Amino acid sequence: MPGSIPMGTSTPCPSHHFTSSSLLTKRYIGIALYALIPLAVLHYLLTLPPPLPPPPTTSSPSTSHQANSSAAASPPEPSAAARCDYSDGDWVRTTAAPRYNGTSCGETIKAGQNCEAHGRPDTGYIYWRWRPRGCALPPFDPAAFLRAVRGRHVAFVGDSLARNQCESLVCLLSSAFPAQLIRGAGGGDGDGDGDELRKFRRWAFPSHDATVSVFWSPFLVNGTERPKARPASAGALYHNRIYLDQPDERWVAEVPGIDVVVLSAGQWYLNPALFYDRGAVVGCHLCPASGQPSRNETGFFGAFRLAVRSALREVVDRVASSSSSSPARHRRPKLAVVTTFSPAHFEGEWDSPTSCARTEPYARGEREPLYMDEEMRRAGAEEAADAAARGAAGLAVEALEVTRLAAMRPDGHPGLYTRAFPLAGGARERMPNDCVHWCLPGPIDTWNEILLQVVKRWADSVDAGAASAAPRN
């Protein structure tokens, strides 16, 4: 037995003292061991690994196949609530065809941007998709857009690029839902000095009681356009006159009836212009020649910024005025969107046959952004951000950042095909090009894919606010 002395062994007294001490020591060790056992158990419980997930639920092959098929057929709709920097990304090839073409939407597309109908031989420019780096950009969904603007009026305001984007949207929507042109039928192609019909068109989408309009306002503020023909007399003024402090009532007067207004301008500010404030000339771009009153060259960056600011201020003021005169239940939230500057891609002279003959996008870093393009982009984006920060009851303001992704698409312009079959009689030394506008279908359809996400996020927030304000039983 433990602690016993073997029989037949003679043990002196010192040896007996040693045995008693050993017994005491062993007793202490036993007590210590019993005390350590609970601590060891506690340590074990605290350091257990997390339990394994439960095994997958067993289902029959047919049930599993049906679930997968259903998920593939009806993917969950992407949330419009999350914000994304859509301006940072790459153009990647795709095999998906556009939702429309130059034939199916030929009555809507301005002839000069209907590259297919005008005989552009290459079609590679329509097989690229924009892929943002930080999030997904779903393909355009006509039903989702019209649900977001059900019972609402969407208006594009600006120059011919605003019209370009508007016609893209109408083509995308009418690929799934019938559109009715209810204003602006007839007339020319929208470029004649007296041709106002195409510059102020409106479409209705009866399926969703939605309306899409375009308003010609190349300066966003009041202005007088110079004539197409240069004056015969030497030294005569050949400048646009832009009144930075005066609203363009052709569209501003209709703001109370507009729910989503998309402002898009900039290219007209590159032309010679005199800038006015309170009736006096405050600057000019490409100032008049000698013989005219002395002017200081101011460029156009500051003038464009002031015009965007003035246009947004008018939207804010008109919304506030209409809201104050309407009962609370009739006040409709509004959204103002500023589409940032869309760059041109002229390489050499504008009338050279190869001025914009590229057939593929630029890769990331292949072409540095031009200073002018970035300054114009900043003006639009920063004025939109400032307007949003100042806040206005019932009005949201956002920038639609397209400058950088547009700058990478030199292949998407009509080029020579702004005229029908330009090479039918052979190439000539001088041939006009359009390296400003975009073929339809083409890269500008992506602008509206991004616009869809902006509008959905706004409409979702409006609907959520209305639901929370509704009386509860």
Protein backbone atom coordinates (compact mmCIF):
# COMPACT_ATOMS: atom_id res chain seq x y z
CA MET A 1 0.00 0.00 0.00
CA PRO A 2 1.19 3.46 -0.53
CA GLY A 3 3.07 4.82 2.51
CA SER A 4 3.44 1.39 4.21
CA ILE A 5 6.74 -0.11 5.27
CA PRO A 6 7.65 -3.44 3.71
CA MET A 7 7.43 -6.28 6.19
CA GLY A 8 10.74 -7.70 7.56
CA THR A 9 12.50 -4.40 7.10
CA SER A 10 14.16 -2.75 10.12
CA THR A 11 13.65 1.05 9.98
CA PRO A 12 15.53 3.34 12.39
CA CYS A 13 13.93 6.47 13.89
CA PRO A 14 15.24 8.91 11.29
CA SER A 15 13.81 6.72 8.66
CA HIS A 16 10.38 6.88 10.39
CA HIS A 17 10.51 10.72 10.42
CA PHE A 18 11.13 10.71 6.65
CA THR A 19 8.09 8.46 6.05
CA SER A 20 5.70 10.80 7.91
CA SER A 21 6.90 13.77 5.88
CA SER A 22 6.39 11.85 2.63
CA LEU A 23 2.81 11.02 3.58
CA LEU A 24 2.05 14.67 4.26
CA THR A 25 3.58 15.75 0.98
CA LYS A 26 1.53 13.22 -0.97
CA ARG A 27 -1.63 14.40 0.74
CA TYR A 28 -0.93 17.99 -0.36
CA ILE A 29 -0.24 16.81 -3.90
CA GLY A 30 -3.55 14.98 -3.99
CA ILE A 31 -5.42 18.03 -2.80
CA ALA A 32 -3.68 20.17 -5.42
CA LEU A 33 -4.59 17.72 -8.18
CA TYR A 34 -8.25 17.77 -7.18
CA ALA A 35 -8.14 21.56 -7.26
CA LEU A 36 -6.57 21.59 -10.74
CA ILE A 37 -9.16 19.27 -12.28
CA PRO A 38 -11.99 21.90 -12.37
CA LEU A 39 -9.55 24.45 -13.78
CA ALA A 40 -8.55 22.05 -16.52
CA VAL A 41 -12.19 21.36 -17.38
CA LEU A 42 -12.92 25.09 -17.56
CA HIS A 43 -9.90 25.66 -19.83
CA TYR A 44 -11.10 22.85 -22.10
CA LEU A 45 -14.59 24.28 -22.39
CA LEU A 46 -13.30 27.76 -23.17
CA THR A 47 -10.93 26.57 -25.87
CA LEU A 48 -13.31 24.27 -27.69
CA PRO A 49 -13.43 24.94 -31.45
CA PRO A 50 -16.75 26.27 -32.80
CA PRO A 51 -19.27 23.59 -33.61
CA LEU A 52 -19.36 22.31 -37.17
CA PRO A 53 -22.22 23.56 -39.33
CA PRO A 54 -25.16 21.22 -39.59
CA PRO A 55 -25.07 18.85 -42.54
CA PRO A 56 -26.92 20.03 -45.64
CA THR A 57 -30.57 19.17 -45.79
CA THR A 58 -31.09 16.17 -47.96
CA SER A 59 -33.32 16.84 -50.92
CA SER A 60 -34.28 14.89 -53.92
CA PRO A 61 -32.38 15.63 -57.14
CA SER A 62 -35.52 16.98 -58.77
CA THR A 63 -36.21 19.41 -55.90
CA SER A 64 -32.62 20.64 -55.91
CA HIS A 65 -32.69 21.12 -59.68
CA GLN A 66 -35.91 23.10 -59.48
CA ALA A 67 -34.47 25.40 -56.80
CA ASN A 68 -31.31 26.03 -58.79
CA SER A 69 -33.29 26.65 -61.96
CA SER A 70 -35.53 29.10 -60.15
CA ALA A 71 -32.54 30.96 -58.72
CA ALA A 72 -30.90 31.15 -62.12
CA ALA A 73 -34.09 32.35 -63.80
CA SER A 74 -34.86 35.02 -61.20
CA PRO A 75 -31.67 36.38 -59.63
CA PRO A 76 -32.22 38.68 -56.68
CA GLU A 77 -32.55 42.28 -57.79
CA PRO A 78 -29.42 44.27 -56.84
CA SER A 79 -29.98 46.70 -54.05
CA ALA A 80 -30.03 50.32 -55.13
CA ALA A 81 -29.34 51.51 -51.59
CA ALA A 82 -25.59 50.94 -51.65
CA ARG A 83 -23.53 53.74 -53.13
CA CYS A 84 -20.69 53.04 -55.53
CA ASP A 85 -18.00 54.99 -57.35
CA TYR A 86 -19.04 54.01 -60.85
CA SER A 87 -16.42 56.30 -62.40
CA ASP A 88 -13.51 53.97 -61.57
CA GLY A 89 -13.34 50.82 -63.65
CA ASP A 90 -12.52 49.20 -66.96
CA TRP A 91 -14.24 48.48 -70.23
CA VAL A 92 -14.45 44.71 -70.75
CA ARG A 93 -15.62 42.74 -73.74
CA THR A 94 -19.07 41.18 -73.75
CA THR A 95 -21.03 38.95 -76.08
CA ALA A 96 -24.38 40.40 -75.00
CA ALA A 97 -26.09 42.34 -77.76
CA PRO A 98 -27.67 45.76 -77.03
CA ARG A 99 -31.35 45.93 -76.13
CA TYR A 100 -32.12 47.89 -79.31
CA ASN A 101 -30.56 48.74 -82.66
CA GLY A 102 -30.68 51.41 -85.33
CA THR A 103 -33.70 49.80 -86.94
CA SER A 104 -35.86 48.99 -83.91
CA CYS A 105 -35.39 52.51 -82.50
CA GLY A 106 -34.67 54.38 -85.71
CA GLU A 107 -37.54 56.83 -85.28
CA THR A 108 -36.13 58.02 -81.96
CA ILE A 109 -32.40 58.19 -82.73
CA LYS A 110 -31.09 61.34 -84.36
CA ALA A 111 -29.89 60.34 -87.81
CA GLY A 112 -26.33 61.52 -87.21
CA GLN A 113 -25.98 59.13 -84.25
CA ASN A 114 -27.57 56.12 -85.96
CA CYS A 115 -24.21 54.64 -86.95
CA GLU A 116 -25.68 51.32 -88.04
CA ALA A 117 -28.15 52.95 -90.43
CA HIS A 118 -25.39 55.18 -91.80
CA GLY A 119 -23.29 52.18 -92.75
CA ARG A 120 -20.58 52.01 -90.10
CA PRO A 121 -18.99 48.67 -91.00
CA ASP A 122 -17.51 47.65 -87.62
CA THR A 123 -19.77 46.66 -84.74
CA GLY A 124 -17.15 45.90 -82.08
CA TYR A 125 -17.88 49.19 -80.29
CA ILE A 126 -21.24 47.87 -79.06
CA TYR A 127 -19.72 44.77 -77.41
CA TRP A 128 -18.11 46.38 -74.38
CA ARG A 129 -19.44 46.73 -70.86
CA TRP A 130 -18.27 49.03 -68.10
CA ARG A 131 -17.07 47.13 -65.04
CA PRO A 132 -16.61 49.34 -61.94
CA ARG A 133 -13.80 48.28 -59.65
CA GLY A 134 -15.66 48.50 -56.38
CA CYS A 135 -19.12 47.10 -57.17
CA ALA A 136 -21.34 45.57 -59.82
CA LEU A 137 -23.22 47.54 -62.46
CA PRO A 138 -26.19 45.45 -63.66
CA PRO A 139 -27.39 45.66 -67.27
CA PHE A 140 -30.17 48.14 -67.88
CA ASP A 141 -33.56 46.89 -66.74
CA PRO A 142 -36.44 48.81 -68.37
CA ALA A 143 -39.01 47.46 -65.93
CA ALA A 144 -36.93 48.51 -62.91
CA PHE A 145 -36.48 52.04 -64.26
CA LEU A 146 -40.16 52.50 -65.05
CA ARG A 147 -41.18 51.11 -61.66
CA ALA A 148 -38.93 53.70 -60.02
CA VAL A 149 -40.48 56.55 -62.03
CA ARG A 150 -44.06 55.30 -62.11
CA GLY A 151 -46.35 58.33 -62.31
CA ARG A 152 -43.32 60.62 -62.60
CA HIS A 153 -41.72 62.93 -65.17
CA VAL A 154 -38.03 62.54 -66.12
CA ALA A 155 -36.52 65.48 -68.02
CA PHE A 156 -33.12 65.91 -69.66
CA VAL A 157 -31.95 69.52 -69.87
CA GLY A 158 -28.91 70.74 -71.76
CA ASP A 159 -27.14 70.51 -75.10
CA SER A 160 -27.12 67.84 -77.79
CA LEU A 161 -25.39 65.38 -75.44
CA ALA A 162 -28.37 65.69 -73.09
CA ARG A 163 -30.54 64.83 -76.08
CA ASN A 164 -28.16 61.97 -76.96
CA GLN A 165 -28.59 60.51 -73.46
CA CYS A 166 -32.35 61.08 -73.51
CA GLU A 167 -32.75 59.23 -76.81
CA SER A 168 -30.64 56.38 -75.42
CA LEU A 169 -32.98 56.11 -72.42
CA VAL A 170 -36.10 56.16 -74.59
CA CYS A 171 -34.65 53.41 -76.80
CA LEU A 172 -33.74 51.29 -73.76
CA LEU A 173 -37.19 51.70 -72.22
CA SER A 174 -39.12 51.18 -75.45
CA SER A 175 -37.26 47.92 -76.07
CA ALA A 176 -39.63 46.44 -73.49
CA PHE A 177 -42.54 48.90 -73.13
CA PRO A 178 -44.30 50.92 -75.84
CA ALA A 179 -43.55 54.63 -76.01
CA GLN A 180 -45.72 57.36 -77.47
CA LEU A 181 -44.17 60.56 -78.81
CA ILE A 182 -46.55 63.21 -77.50
CA ARG A 183 -44.57 66.38 -78.22
CA GLY A 184 -42.08 67.35 -80.92
CA ALA A 185 -43.20 65.13 -83.80
CA GLY A 186 -42.17 66.31 -87.25
CA GLY A 187 -39.63 68.96 -88.05
CA GLY A 188 -36.02 68.40 -89.00
CA ASP A 189 -33.17 66.71 -87.20
CA GLY A 190 -32.94 69.25 -84.43
CA ASP A 191 -29.93 71.21 -85.68
CA GLY A 192 -31.52 74.03 -87.69
CA ASP A 193 -31.59 77.46 -86.11
CA GLY A 194 -35.38 77.55 -86.29
CA ASP A 195 -36.02 73.85 -85.74
CA GLU A 196 -37.36 73.70 -82.20
CA LEU A 197 -39.50 70.59 -82.52
CA ARG A 198 -36.84 67.94 -82.00
CA LYS A 199 -35.18 70.01 -79.30
CA PHE A 200 -38.26 69.79 -77.06
CA ARG A 201 -39.61 66.27 -77.44
CA ARG A 202 -41.64 64.27 -74.96
CA TRP A 203 -42.55 60.60 -74.73
CA ALA A 204 -45.20 58.88 -72.63
CA PHE A 205 -45.00 55.33 -71.30
CA PRO A 206 -48.65 54.50 -70.58
CA SER A 207 -47.80 51.15 -68.95
CA HIS A 208 -46.34 53.04 -65.97
CA ASP A 209 -47.87 56.51 -66.41
CA ALA A 210 -44.30 57.82 -66.85
CA THR A 211 -43.03 60.66 -69.02
CA VAL A 212 -39.58 61.38 -70.50
CA SER A 213 -38.75 64.80 -71.97
CA VAL A 214 -35.81 66.68 -73.42
CA PHE A 215 -35.32 70.46 -73.16
CA TRP A 216 -32.78 72.25 -75.33
CA SER A 217 -30.69 74.56 -73.12
CA PRO A 218 -27.05 74.42 -74.26
CA PHE A 219 -25.86 76.87 -71.57
CA LEU A 220 -28.26 75.68 -68.78
CA VAL A 221 -28.90 79.40 -68.21
CA ASN A 222 -30.33 82.04 -70.52
CA GLY A 223 -28.27 82.71 -73.61
CA THR A 224 -28.26 83.74 -77.24
CA GLU A 225 -26.67 81.27 -79.63
CA ARG A 226 -24.46 82.62 -82.37
CA PRO A 227 -25.73 81.90 -85.89
CA LYS A 228 -24.34 78.96 -87.81
CA ALA A 229 -23.02 81.18 -90.59
CA ARG A 230 -20.15 83.51 -89.77
CA PRO A 231 -21.00 87.22 -90.36
CA ALA A 232 -19.72 88.57 -93.65
CA SER A 233 -18.34 91.80 -92.21
CA ALA A 234 -14.83 91.61 -90.83
CA GLY A 235 -14.56 92.02 -87.09
CA ALA A 236 -18.26 91.41 -86.45
CA LEU A 237 -19.12 89.59 -83.25
CA TYR A 238 -19.41 85.85 -83.71
CA HIS A 239 -19.90 84.84 -80.10
CA ASN A 240 -22.51 83.21 -77.94
CA ARG A 241 -23.95 85.51 -75.30
CA ILE A 242 -24.45 83.79 -71.96
CA TYR A 243 -26.34 85.48 -69.11
CA LEU A 244 -25.06 83.68 -66.04
CA ASP A 245 -27.56 85.25 -63.64
CA GLN A 246 -30.67 84.64 -65.76
CA PRO A 247 -32.61 81.36 -65.81
CA ASP A 248 -33.60 79.70 -69.06
CA GLU A 249 -37.36 79.82 -68.59
CA ARG A 250 -37.93 77.32 -71.40
CA TRP A 251 -37.18 74.55 -68.90
CA VAL A 252 -37.07 76.24 -65.50
CA ALA A 253 -40.75 77.19 -65.74
CA GLU A 254 -41.61 73.49 -65.92
CA VAL A 255 -39.59 72.39 -62.88
CA PRO A 256 -42.70 72.10 -60.65
CA GLY A 257 -44.01 69.38 -62.97
CA ILE A 258 -40.69 67.52 -63.24
CA ASP A 259 -39.71 64.82 -60.76
CA VAL A 260 -36.25 63.88 -62.02
CA VAL A 261 -34.21 66.52 -63.89
CA VAL A 262 -30.92 65.54 -65.53
CA LEU A 263 -28.65 68.48 -66.37
CA SER A 264 -26.03 67.84 -69.05
CA ALA A 265 -23.99 70.52 -70.81
CA GLY A 266 -20.48 71.84 -71.34
CA GLN A 267 -19.46 71.52 -74.98
CA TRP A 268 -21.00 74.86 -75.97
CA TYR A 269 -18.78 76.64 -73.45
CA LEU A 270 -15.77 75.79 -75.61
CA ASN A 271 -17.05 78.14 -78.33
CA PRO A 272 -16.38 81.91 -78.39
CA ALA A 273 -18.63 83.58 -75.85
CA LEU A 274 -19.35 86.76 -73.93
CA PHE A 275 -20.42 86.25 -70.32
CA TYR A 276 -22.90 88.63 -68.70
CA ASP A 277 -23.96 89.28 -65.13
CA ARG A 278 -26.59 91.91 -64.24
CA GLY A 279 -26.51 93.16 -67.79
CA ALA A 280 -22.77 93.82 -67.93
CA VAL A 281 -20.04 91.83 -69.65
CA VAL A 282 -17.95 90.17 -66.93
CA GLY A 283 -15.74 88.00 -69.11
CA CYS A 284 -15.24 86.33 -72.43
CA HIS A 285 -13.78 83.28 -74.04
CA LEU A 286 -11.83 83.79 -77.28
CA CYS A 287 -12.47 87.49 -76.90
CA PRO A 288 -13.49 89.60 -79.88
CA ALA A 289 -10.79 90.88 -82.18
CA SER A 290 -9.43 94.42 -82.16
CA GLY A 291 -11.96 97.11 -82.86
CA GLN A 292 -14.30 95.73 -80.18
CA PRO A 293 -14.38 97.02 -76.61
CA SER A 294 -11.42 95.75 -74.62
CA ARG A 295 -12.20 92.48 -72.83
CA ASN A 296 -10.20 90.34 -70.47
CA GLU A 297 -9.91 86.70 -71.50
CA THR A 298 -11.42 84.69 -68.68
CA GLY A 299 -11.67 81.27 -70.28
CA PHE A 300 -14.75 79.18 -69.69
CA PHE A 301 -14.14 76.99 -66.62
CA GLY A 302 -15.42 79.57 -64.15
CA ALA A 303 -18.36 80.52 -66.35
CA PHE A 304 -19.45 76.92 -66.73
CA ARG A 305 -19.23 76.37 -62.98
CA LEU A 306 -21.38 79.45 -62.35
CA ALA A 307 -23.93 78.24 -64.90
CA VAL A 308 -24.26 74.84 -63.20
CA ARG A 309 -24.57 76.58 -59.84
CA SER A 310 -27.22 78.95 -61.18
CA ALA A 311 -29.21 76.13 -62.78
CA LEU A 312 -29.21 74.09 -59.56
CA ARG A 313 -30.17 77.17 -57.54
CA GLU A 314 -33.15 77.70 -59.84
CA VAL A 315 -34.23 74.09 -59.32
CA VAL A 316 -33.95 74.53 -55.55
CA ASP A 317 -35.90 77.80 -55.61
CA ARG A 318 -38.68 76.53 -57.89
CA VAL A 319 -39.08 73.36 -55.85
CA ALA A 320 -39.27 75.38 -52.63
CA SER A 321 -41.77 77.79 -54.17
CA SER A 322 -44.06 75.06 -55.49
CA SER A 323 -43.85 73.17 -52.20
CA SER A 324 -44.77 76.19 -50.11
CA SER A 325 -47.89 76.79 -52.20
CA SER A 326 -49.06 73.15 -52.12
CA PRO A 327 -50.67 71.16 -49.34
CA ALA A 328 -48.21 68.82 -47.64
CA ARG A 329 -49.93 65.74 -49.03
CA HIS A 330 -49.39 67.02 -52.59
CA ARG A 331 -45.68 67.83 -52.26
CA ARG A 332 -43.62 65.52 -54.42
CA PRO A 333 -39.95 64.79 -53.67
CA LYS A 334 -37.60 65.68 -56.54
CA LEU A 335 -34.22 64.52 -57.79
CA ALA A 336 -31.67 66.66 -59.66
CA VAL A 337 -28.80 64.86 -61.42
CA VAL A 338 -25.77 66.53 -62.99
CA THR A 339 -24.23 64.41 -65.75
CA THR A 340 -20.56 65.36 -65.78
CA PHE A 341 -18.70 66.52 -68.87
CA SER A 342 -18.51 64.11 -71.82
CA PRO A 343 -15.12 64.48 -73.59
CA ALA A 344 -14.55 64.62 -77.35
CA HIS A 345 -11.89 62.53 -79.12
CA PHE A 346 -10.69 64.51 -82.11
CA GLU A 347 -7.21 63.44 -83.17
CA GLY A 348 -5.89 66.10 -85.52
CA GLU A 349 -8.18 68.23 -87.63
CA TRP A 350 -11.94 67.82 -87.18
CA ASP A 351 -12.40 67.18 -90.90
CA SER A 352 -9.59 64.68 -91.34
CA PRO A 353 -10.83 61.23 -92.46
CA THR A 354 -8.97 59.68 -89.53
CA SER A 355 -9.96 62.21 -86.86
CA CYS A 356 -11.70 59.58 -84.72
CA ALA A 357 -11.18 56.26 -86.43
CA ARG A 358 -10.26 54.11 -83.42
CA THR A 359 -12.17 50.85 -83.05
CA GLU A 360 -11.40 49.87 -79.43
CA PRO A 361 -11.48 51.58 -76.02
CA TYR A 362 -8.38 52.84 -74.31
CA ALA A 363 -7.03 50.53 -71.63
CA ARG A 364 -6.59 51.86 -68.11
CA GLY A 365 -3.64 54.24 -68.06
CA GLU A 366 -3.22 54.25 -71.83
CA ARG A 367 -4.32 57.88 -72.09
CA GLU A 368 -3.98 60.42 -69.32
CA PRO A 369 -7.09 62.51 -68.62
CA LEU A 370 -6.94 65.89 -70.31
CA TYR A 371 -6.75 68.92 -68.04
CA MET A 372 -9.80 70.51 -69.65
CA ASP A 373 -11.90 67.38 -69.26
CA GLU A 374 -10.99 67.06 -65.58
CA GLU A 375 -11.70 70.73 -64.85
CA MET A 376 -15.11 70.50 -66.49
CA ARG A 377 -15.83 67.27 -64.62
CA ARG A 378 -14.85 68.85 -61.31
CA ALA A 379 -17.09 71.85 -61.92
CA GLY A 380 -20.19 69.71 -62.41
CA ALA A 381 -19.42 67.20 -59.67
CA GLU A 382 -18.47 69.79 -57.06
CA GLU A 383 -21.46 72.02 -57.73
CA ALA A 384 -23.75 69.00 -57.38
CA ALA A 385 -22.05 68.05 -54.11
CA ASP A 386 -22.33 71.62 -52.79
CA ALA A 387 -26.03 71.77 -53.66
CA ALA A 388 -26.61 68.43 -51.95
CA ALA A 389 -24.70 69.57 -48.85
CA ARG A 390 -26.70 72.80 -48.59
CA GLY A 391 -29.83 70.71 -48.64
CA ALA A 392 -33.29 71.62 -49.78
CA ALA A 393 -36.53 70.22 -48.48
CA GLY A 394 -37.88 67.63 -50.87
CA LEU A 395 -34.92 67.77 -53.27
CA ALA A 396 -32.02 65.33 -53.61
CA VAL A 397 -28.99 66.24 -55.77
CA GLU A 398 -26.43 63.84 -57.22
CA ALA A 399 -23.65 63.81 -59.79
CA LEU A 400 -23.65 61.22 -62.56
CA GLU A 401 -19.89 60.78 -63.00
CA VAL A 402 -19.27 59.72 -66.60
CA THR A 403 -16.24 61.80 -67.65
CA ARG A 404 -13.53 59.24 -66.95
CA LEU A 405 -15.31 56.24 -68.40
CA ALA A 406 -16.34 58.30 -71.44
CA ALA A 407 -12.75 59.45 -71.96
CA MET A 408 -11.76 55.81 -72.51
CA ARG A 409 -14.16 55.33 -75.46
CA PRO A 410 -12.72 57.00 -78.58
CA ASP A 411 -14.31 54.20 -80.61
CA GLY A 412 -17.90 55.06 -79.71
CA HIS A 413 -18.42 58.22 -81.79
CA PRO A 414 -20.10 58.40 -85.21
CA GLY A 415 -16.96 59.84 -86.76
CA LEU A 416 -17.37 59.87 -90.54
CA TYR A 417 -20.71 58.08 -90.19
CA THR A 418 -22.44 61.17 -88.92
CA ARG A 419 -23.41 61.20 -92.63
CA ALA A 420 -24.88 58.22 -94.43
CA PHE A 421 -22.37 55.99 -96.24
CA PRO A 422 -19.62 58.62 -96.36
CA LEU A 423 -17.12 56.40 -98.19
CA ALA A 424 -19.48 55.29 -100.94
CA GLY A 425 -17.74 57.61 -103.39
CA GLY A 426 -14.28 56.99 -101.97
CA ALA A 427 -12.28 58.79 -99.31
CA ARG A 428 -11.63 62.51 -99.72
CA GLU A 429 -8.95 64.69 -98.20
CA ARG A 430 -11.45 66.58 -96.06
CA MET A 431 -14.43 64.80 -94.52
CA PRO A 432 -16.43 66.07 -91.52
CA ASN A 433 -16.38 63.96 -88.36
CA ASP A 434 -18.48 63.82 -85.24
CA CYS A 435 -16.13 62.86 -82.40
CA VAL A 436 -18.37 64.44 -79.72
CA HIS A 437 -21.70 62.60 -79.75
CA TRP A 438 -22.16 58.86 -79.30
CA CYS A 439 -23.47 56.15 -81.58
CA LEU A 440 -26.80 54.65 -80.55
CA PRO A 441 -26.61 51.98 -79.38
CA GLY A 442 -23.21 52.67 -77.87
CA PRO A 443 -21.25 53.73 -74.79
CA ILE A 444 -23.80 56.35 -73.73
CA ASP A 445 -26.22 53.54 -72.85
CA THR A 446 -23.92 52.97 -69.86
CA TRP A 447 -24.72 56.48 -68.62
CA ASN A 448 -28.32 55.31 -68.23
CA GLU A 449 -27.32 52.07 -66.52
CA ILE A 450 -25.72 54.25 -63.84
CA LEU A 451 -28.68 56.64 -63.88
CA LEU A 452 -30.96 53.69 -63.18
CA GLN A 453 -29.05 52.91 -59.97
CA VAL A 454 -29.19 56.58 -58.88
CA VAL A 455 -32.93 56.81 -59.57
CA LYS A 456 -33.69 53.50 -57.85
CA ARG A 457 -31.81 54.53 -54.72
CA TRP A 458 -33.69 57.84 -54.63
CA ALA A 459 -37.09 56.24 -55.31
CA ASP A 460 -36.48 53.60 -52.65
CA SER A 461 -35.68 56.29 -50.06
CA VAL A 462 -38.77 58.29 -51.06
CA ASP A 463 -41.01 55.22 -50.79
CA ALA A 464 -39.46 54.27 -47.44
CA GLY A 465 -40.08 57.78 -46.13
CA ALA A 466 -43.68 57.73 -47.32
CA ALA A 467 -44.26 54.36 -45.68
CA SER A 468 -42.86 55.52 -42.34
CA ALA A 469 -44.99 58.68 -42.43
CA ALA A 470 -48.19 56.82 -43.22
CA PRO A 471 -50.68 56.66 -40.31
CA ARG A 472 -50.76 53.33 -38.48
CA ASN A 473 -53.96 51.71 -37.30
